[in-house]
Amino acid sequence: MTAKKGDKSHTLLFDAGPDEDIFEKNVQRLKLPMTEIGAIVLSHWHRDHSGGLLSAIRLASKRRSGGDNVVVALPPDKPAFRGIMFDQPISLEADPTTDEINSAGGKTVMLDETLTVLNDTFLISGEIPRQTDYEGGIPGGVRYDPAKDEWIKDELIMEERFVMCKLKDKGLVIFTGCSHAGLINIARHAKTIDDSPVGHRRRLSPRRCVT
């Protein structure tokens, strides 16, 4: 996503999809200017969001002016593995490690609390309070605890974060990953940060949403 503040544009990548090859093909097809990315944010620890992360970092770091590593903002409390419990746990592939992210050219920052990036153009939320009784996360969600050698309940995905920006004379635009926290909980938390109106893009055509 790219936003303009004053006479300068700032570009942020929010999540990277499930796979490095898929990510790179999408970059080529959409002709995305990866070297313009100023920061990368991961919404939560699920492989379908982090799988393309290392490729994204490498592409964003390639021919990067100034030689600085690209900032990669990561949610806290990374699980060893996540999965879904049926008769037995079905495990997702592990997320990239911090060492792998740094080796790919990233400069990791942990999202322990709300912060702004890229000259205060984008805001990344801290933990999202769960207020509603009807937004319960992902049913059957579990994580593996190596210390206990067992899978434990993990439906709420408490480390999930959202990205928000404020459009001049319009209001807030909120970008979410899976919205495991629930859209109402997310919108309510956003309003505690900034009480401007929250917009919605539901009437836009598919082509306009892509562009």
Protein backbone atom coordinates (compact mmCIF):
# COMPACT_ATOMS: atom_id res chain seq x y z
CA MET A 1 0.00 0.00 0.00
CA THR A 2 1.23 3.50 -0.86
CA ALA A 3 0.17 6.76 0.77
CA LYS A 4 1.29 10.30 0.10
CA LYS A 5 2.14 12.69 2.92
CA GLY A 6 3.01 16.18 1.79
CA ASP A 7 5.05 15.77 -1.38
CA LYS A 8 6.48 12.36 -0.48
CA SER A 9 5.04 8.88 -1.05
CA HIS A 10 5.53 6.03 1.42
CA THR A 11 5.01 2.34 0.60
CA LEU A 12 4.34 -0.43 3.11
CA LEU A 13 3.88 -4.16 2.48
CA PHE A 14 1.31 -5.83 4.75
CA ASP A 15 1.74 -9.64 4.80
CA ALA A 16 3.37 -11.72 2.09
CA GLY A 17 1.13 -14.67 1.27
CA PRO A 18 1.74 -18.41 1.70
CA ASP A 19 4.71 -19.13 -0.57
CA GLU A 20 7.85 -17.48 -1.94
CA ASP A 21 7.29 -18.60 -5.56
CA ILE A 22 3.71 -17.34 -5.54
CA PHE A 23 4.82 -14.03 -4.06
CA GLU A 24 7.51 -13.53 -6.71
CA LYS A 25 5.11 -14.40 -9.54
CA ASN A 26 2.55 -11.91 -8.22
CA VAL A 27 5.23 -9.22 -8.02
CA GLN A 28 6.15 -9.86 -11.66
CA ARG A 29 2.56 -9.95 -12.89
CA LEU A 30 1.54 -6.79 -11.04
CA LYS A 31 4.87 -5.07 -11.79
CA LEU A 32 5.21 -4.02 -8.16
CA PRO A 33 8.04 -1.57 -7.34
CA MET A 34 9.48 -3.64 -4.49
CA THR A 35 12.52 -1.42 -3.95
CA GLU A 36 10.18 1.43 -2.97
CA ILE A 37 8.93 -0.50 0.07
CA GLY A 38 9.93 1.32 3.25
CA ALA A 39 8.63 -1.24 5.75
CA ILE A 40 7.08 -4.71 5.88
CA VAL A 41 4.46 -5.65 8.49
CA LEU A 42 3.29 -9.15 9.41
CA SER A 43 -0.27 -9.22 10.78
CA HIS A 44 0.04 -12.51 12.70
CA TRP A 45 1.89 -15.80 12.81
CA HIS A 46 0.15 -18.00 10.24
CA ARG A 47 2.08 -19.50 7.34
CA ASP A 48 -0.42 -18.29 4.74
CA HIS A 49 0.68 -14.76 5.64
CA SER A 50 4.38 -15.32 6.36
CA GLY A 51 5.33 -17.89 3.71
CA GLY A 52 6.46 -15.29 1.16
CA LEU A 53 8.13 -13.06 3.73
CA LEU A 54 11.76 -13.97 3.01
CA SER A 55 11.28 -13.44 -0.72
CA ALA A 56 9.59 -10.09 -0.05
CA ILE A 57 12.51 -8.96 2.11
CA ARG A 58 15.09 -9.99 -0.48
CA LEU A 59 13.25 -8.20 -3.28
CA ALA A 60 12.68 -5.07 -1.17
CA SER A 61 16.35 -5.01 -0.15
CA LYS A 62 17.72 -5.49 -3.67
CA ARG A 63 19.37 -2.30 -4.98
CA ARG A 64 17.98 -0.52 -1.92
CA SER A 65 19.34 3.04 -1.72
CA GLY A 66 21.41 3.87 1.35
CA GLY A 67 22.25 0.24 2.06
CA ASP A 68 19.92 0.04 5.07
CA ASN A 69 18.01 -3.16 5.78
CA VAL A 70 14.25 -2.97 5.29
CA VAL A 71 12.30 -2.70 8.55
CA VAL A 72 10.19 -5.81 9.23
CA ALA A 73 7.62 -5.32 12.00
CA LEU A 74 6.67 -8.63 13.62
CA PRO A 75 3.94 -9.50 16.12
CA PRO A 76 5.07 -10.91 19.48
CA ASP A 77 4.57 -14.41 20.89
CA LYS A 78 5.68 -16.43 17.87
CA PRO A 79 4.53 -20.06 18.19
CA ALA A 80 6.72 -23.02 17.31
CA PHE A 81 3.88 -24.37 15.16
CA ARG A 82 0.22 -23.57 14.68
CA GLY A 83 -2.54 -25.82 13.47
CA ILE A 84 -6.19 -26.86 13.57
CA MET A 85 -7.51 -29.58 15.87
CA PHE A 86 -9.74 -32.20 14.33
CA ASP A 87 -9.52 -35.78 15.62
CA GLN A 88 -5.83 -34.95 15.86
CA PRO A 89 -3.90 -31.70 15.25
CA ILE A 90 -3.20 -30.73 11.64
CA SER A 91 -0.05 -28.62 11.70
CA LEU A 92 0.78 -25.68 9.47
CA GLU A 93 4.33 -25.24 8.25
CA ALA A 94 6.49 -23.22 10.64
CA ASP A 95 6.85 -19.47 10.12
CA PRO A 96 10.25 -18.00 9.18
CA THR A 97 12.55 -17.45 12.15
CA THR A 98 13.93 -14.08 13.22
CA ASP A 99 17.41 -15.22 12.16
CA GLU A 100 16.12 -16.12 8.68
CA ILE A 101 14.38 -12.75 8.39
CA ASN A 102 17.50 -10.83 9.39
CA SER A 103 19.70 -12.91 7.09
CA ALA A 104 17.39 -12.14 4.15
CA GLY A 105 18.01 -8.41 4.68
CA GLY A 106 15.39 -7.47 7.25
CA LYS A 107 15.72 -5.36 10.37
CA THR A 108 13.20 -6.82 12.81
CA VAL A 109 11.06 -4.73 15.14
CA MET A 110 8.65 -6.38 17.58
CA LEU A 111 5.11 -5.01 17.70
CA ASP A 112 4.66 -4.97 21.46
CA GLU A 113 2.57 -1.79 21.36
CA THR A 114 1.04 0.70 18.93
CA LEU A 115 3.57 2.50 16.76
CA THR A 116 3.75 4.60 13.61
CA VAL A 117 6.13 4.07 10.70
CA LEU A 118 7.32 5.86 7.56
CA ASN A 119 7.14 9.42 8.87
CA ASP A 120 3.94 8.66 10.82
CA THR A 121 2.12 7.79 7.59
CA PHE A 122 0.92 4.37 8.78
CA LEU A 123 -0.07 3.20 12.25
CA ILE A 124 0.37 -0.40 13.39
CA SER A 125 -1.91 -1.45 16.22
CA GLY A 126 -0.86 -3.07 19.43
CA GLU A 127 -2.89 -5.91 20.95
CA ILE A 128 -6.56 -5.76 19.94
CA PRO A 129 -8.92 -5.99 22.95
CA ARG A 130 -11.60 -8.66 22.53
CA GLN A 131 -14.88 -7.02 23.52
CA THR A 132 -17.64 -8.79 21.62
CA ASP A 133 -19.02 -12.19 22.61
CA TYR A 134 -19.60 -13.30 19.00
CA GLU A 135 -16.09 -12.91 17.54
CA GLY A 136 -14.28 -15.96 18.85
CA GLY A 137 -11.25 -16.26 16.62
CA ILE A 138 -10.54 -19.43 14.63
CA PRO A 139 -12.50 -22.50 15.82
CA GLY A 140 -10.20 -25.38 16.64
CA GLY A 141 -7.07 -23.24 16.52
CA VAL A 142 -4.11 -24.73 18.41
CA ARG A 143 -0.39 -24.11 18.90
CA TYR A 144 2.39 -26.53 19.78
CA ASP A 145 4.11 -26.02 23.14
CA PRO A 146 7.60 -27.61 22.94
CA ALA A 147 8.13 -27.32 26.70
CA LYS A 148 5.07 -29.50 27.38
CA ASP A 149 5.28 -31.47 24.12
CA GLU A 150 1.58 -30.91 23.50
CA TRP A 151 -0.86 -28.89 21.44
CA ILE A 152 -2.77 -26.24 23.37
CA LYS A 153 -5.87 -24.22 22.54
CA ASP A 154 -5.08 -21.02 20.61
CA GLU A 155 -8.27 -19.80 18.96
CA LEU A 156 -8.02 -16.07 19.66
CA ILE A 157 -4.69 -15.37 17.87
CA MET A 158 -4.01 -12.58 20.36
CA GLU A 159 -0.88 -11.28 18.61
CA GLU A 160 -2.82 -10.21 15.50
CA ARG A 161 -2.24 -6.58 14.46
CA PHE A 162 -3.84 -4.24 11.92
CA VAL A 163 -2.50 -1.31 9.89
CA MET A 164 -4.33 2.00 9.74
CA CYS A 165 -3.92 5.33 7.97
CA LYS A 166 -5.91 8.55 8.01
CA LEU A 167 -7.01 10.08 4.72
CA LYS A 168 -7.27 13.84 4.60
CA ASP A 169 -10.89 15.04 4.77
CA LYS A 170 -12.15 11.44 4.65
CA GLY A 171 -11.32 9.45 7.80
CA LEU A 172 -9.65 6.19 8.74
CA VAL A 173 -8.79 3.28 6.48
CA ILE A 174 -8.07 0.01 8.30
CA PHE A 175 -6.17 -2.88 6.69
CA THR A 176 -6.53 -6.30 8.31
CA GLY A 177 -5.00 -9.72 7.73
CA CYS A 178 -7.46 -12.51 8.55
CA SER A 179 -9.40 -10.47 11.13
CA HIS A 180 -9.24 -13.33 13.63
CA ALA A 181 -9.78 -10.63 16.27
CA GLY A 182 -13.13 -9.77 14.64
CA LEU A 183 -13.92 -6.75 12.48
CA ILE A 184 -16.01 -5.11 15.18
CA ASN A 185 -13.27 -5.50 17.78
CA ILE A 186 -10.76 -4.12 15.27
CA ALA A 187 -12.92 -1.11 14.36
CA ARG A 188 -13.65 -0.36 18.00
CA HIS A 189 -9.96 -0.46 18.87
CA ALA A 190 -9.13 1.78 15.91
CA LYS A 191 -11.65 4.33 17.17
CA THR A 192 -9.92 4.44 20.56
CA ILE A 193 -6.74 5.47 18.74
CA ASP A 194 -8.39 8.04 16.46
CA ASP A 195 -12.09 8.88 16.56
CA SER A 196 -12.33 9.83 12.88
CA PRO A 197 -14.92 8.09 10.65
CA VAL A 198 -13.97 4.60 9.42
CA GLY A 199 -14.34 4.11 5.66
CA HIS A 200 -15.35 1.04 3.66
CA ARG A 201 -14.60 0.07 0.03
CA ARG A 202 -17.56 -2.27 -0.54
CA ARG A 203 -19.02 -0.31 -3.49
CA LEU A 204 -15.79 -0.26 -5.50
CA SER A 205 -15.44 -2.44 -8.57
CA PRO A 206 -12.95 -5.34 -8.46
CA ARG A 207 -10.71 -3.48 -10.91
CA ARG A 208 -10.67 -0.34 -8.74
CA CYS A 209 -9.89 -2.40 -5.63
CA VAL A 210 -6.83 -3.88 -7.36
CA THR A 211 -5.54 -0.56 -8.66
